[in-house]
């Protein structure tokens, strides 16, 4: 069982979820505007949707995989930004992906320390 989240980790967790939801929203808006078929929607969102149960359970392994998966969306966002430099949605998407990556990395760092400290305290008692 994971210990309670600290203040810093809680704020990073909130940033992680806000950036993830922003990314999902911008991806959905883009797919809807381009009239993408439903099977392509599934393939588009599947890498993020697979990780949602682990993220809801605060599994650090899912957060680590989210940081790797976000790099794929980063490449896609950069390509879209070069193709459509005036697109506000492409800029927001790139910002959301960068924030998602940073929040996932910082969350792993802070939350990992909290969990290790809690395990060390539990083993001493």
Protein backbone atom coordinates (compact mmCIF):
# COMPACT_ATOMS: atom_id res chain seq x y z
CA UNK A 1 0.00 0.00 0.00
CA UNK A 2 1.32 3.41 -0.93
CA UNK A 3 1.63 6.02 1.81
CA UNK A 4 -0.31 9.27 1.72
CA UNK A 5 0.86 11.72 -0.91
CA UNK A 6 2.83 14.75 0.28
CA UNK A 7 2.03 18.33 -0.67
CA UNK A 8 4.62 18.60 -3.44
CA UNK A 9 3.75 15.22 -4.93
CA UNK A 10 0.05 16.11 -4.71
CA UNK A 11 0.54 19.31 -6.69
CA UNK A 12 2.62 17.51 -9.28
CA UNK A 13 -0.08 14.80 -9.46
CA UNK A 14 -2.68 17.49 -10.15
CA UNK A 15 -0.49 18.96 -12.90
CA UNK A 16 -0.02 15.50 -14.38
CA UNK A 17 -3.78 14.91 -14.58
CA UNK A 18 -4.52 18.39 -15.94
CA UNK A 19 -1.92 18.04 -18.68
CA UNK A 20 -3.13 14.51 -19.49
CA UNK A 21 -6.74 15.67 -19.80
CA UNK A 22 -5.66 18.65 -21.90
CA UNK A 23 -3.74 16.34 -24.20
CA UNK A 24 -6.71 13.99 -24.52
CA UNK A 25 -9.02 16.93 -25.22
CA UNK A 26 -6.80 18.43 -27.91
CA UNK A 27 -6.35 15.02 -29.51
CA UNK A 28 -10.12 14.46 -29.50
CA UNK A 29 -10.78 17.89 -31.00
CA UNK A 30 -8.23 17.28 -33.72
CA UNK A 31 -9.64 13.85 -34.54
CA UNK A 32 -13.19 15.22 -34.58
CA UNK A 33 -12.25 18.16 -36.82
CA UNK A 34 -10.47 15.88 -39.29
CA UNK A 35 -13.40 13.38 -39.26
CA UNK A 36 -11.14 10.49 -38.29
CA UNK A 37 -12.87 7.06 -38.37
CA UNK A 38 -13.59 5.34 -35.03
CA UNK A 39 -10.92 2.59 -35.36
CA UNK A 40 -8.27 5.24 -35.89
CA UNK A 41 -9.56 7.10 -32.82
CA UNK A 42 -9.01 3.95 -30.81
CA UNK A 43 -5.45 3.55 -32.07
CA UNK A 44 -4.83 7.24 -31.45
CA UNK A 45 -5.93 7.11 -27.80
CA UNK A 46 -5.03 3.52 -26.92
CA UNK A 47 -1.50 4.22 -25.58
CA UNK A 48 -2.90 6.71 -23.08
CA UNK A 49 -6.05 4.75 -22.25
CA UNK A 50 -4.10 1.59 -21.39
CA UNK A 51 -2.29 3.49 -18.64
CA UNK A 52 -5.38 5.06 -17.02
CA UNK A 53 -6.19 2.20 -14.57
CA UNK A 54 -2.63 2.20 -13.25
CA UNK A 55 -2.63 5.98 -12.95
CA UNK A 56 -5.90 5.91 -11.01
CA UNK A 57 -4.31 3.40 -8.59
CA UNK A 58 -1.17 5.58 -8.24
CA UNK A 59 1.14 2.92 -9.66
CA UNK A 60 4.58 4.38 -10.25
CA UNK A 61 5.22 1.92 -13.07
CA UNK A 62 2.26 3.37 -14.99
CA UNK A 63 3.60 6.88 -14.43
CA UNK A 64 6.98 5.79 -15.76
CA UNK A 65 5.38 4.30 -18.86
CA UNK A 66 3.34 7.48 -19.27
CA UNK A 67 6.55 9.48 -19.51
CA UNK A 68 7.77 7.17 -22.30
CA UNK A 69 4.44 7.23 -24.14
CA UNK A 70 4.27 11.02 -23.89
CA UNK A 71 7.44 11.23 -25.98
CA UNK A 72 5.56 9.63 -28.87
CA UNK A 73 2.89 12.33 -28.58
CA UNK A 74 5.66 14.93 -28.36
CA UNK A 75 7.00 13.89 -31.76
CA UNK A 76 3.48 14.01 -33.19
CA UNK A 77 2.89 17.47 -31.69
CA UNK A 78 6.14 18.88 -33.03
CA UNK A 79 5.34 17.55 -36.50
CA UNK A 80 1.88 19.09 -36.34
CA UNK A 81 3.28 22.41 -35.14
CA UNK A 82 5.70 22.53 -38.06
CA UNK A 83 2.88 21.65 -40.48
CA UNK A 84 0.47 24.19 -38.94
CA UNK A 85 2.58 26.90 -37.26
CA UNK A 86 -0.40 29.21 -36.65
CA UNK A 87 -2.57 26.53 -35.04
CA UNK A 88 -3.40 27.42 -31.44
CA UNK A 89 -4.50 23.85 -30.76
CA UNK A 90 -1.13 22.50 -31.92
CA UNK A 91 0.63 24.90 -29.56
CA UNK A 92 -1.60 23.90 -26.63
CA UNK A 93 -1.06 20.23 -27.46
CA UNK A 94 2.72 20.65 -27.46
CA UNK A 95 2.59 22.52 -24.16
CA UNK A 96 0.37 19.80 -22.65
CA UNK A 97 2.75 17.05 -23.78
CA UNK A 98 5.80 18.82 -22.39
CA UNK A 99 4.02 19.44 -19.07
CA UNK A 100 2.85 15.83 -18.99
CA UNK A 101 6.39 14.57 -19.44
CA UNK A 102 7.83 16.94 -16.84
CA UNK A 103 5.09 16.23 -14.31
CA UNK A 104 5.44 12.48 -14.74
CA UNK A 105 9.21 12.64 -14.25
CA UNK A 106 9.02 14.92 -11.20
CA UNK A 107 6.18 12.87 -9.74
CA UNK A 108 8.25 9.71 -10.04
CA UNK A 109 11.10 11.41 -8.26
CA UNK A 110 9.08 12.85 -5.36
CA UNK A 111 6.64 9.97 -4.95
CA UNK A 112 9.41 7.39 -5.15
CA UNK A 113 11.24 9.13 -2.31
CA UNK A 114 8.05 9.21 -0.24
CA UNK A 115 7.39 5.51 -0.80
CA UNK A 116 10.99 4.54 -0.01
CA UNK A 117 10.93 6.60 3.20
CA UNK A 118 7.63 5.03 4.25
CA UNK A 119 9.00 1.54 3.58
CA UNK A 120 12.16 2.30 5.55
CA UNK A 121 10.09 3.56 8.49
CA UNK A 122 7.84 0.52 8.35
CA UNK A 123 10.78 -1.89 8.34
CA UNK A 124 12.37 -0.12 11.34
CA UNK A 125 9.21 -0.41 13.42
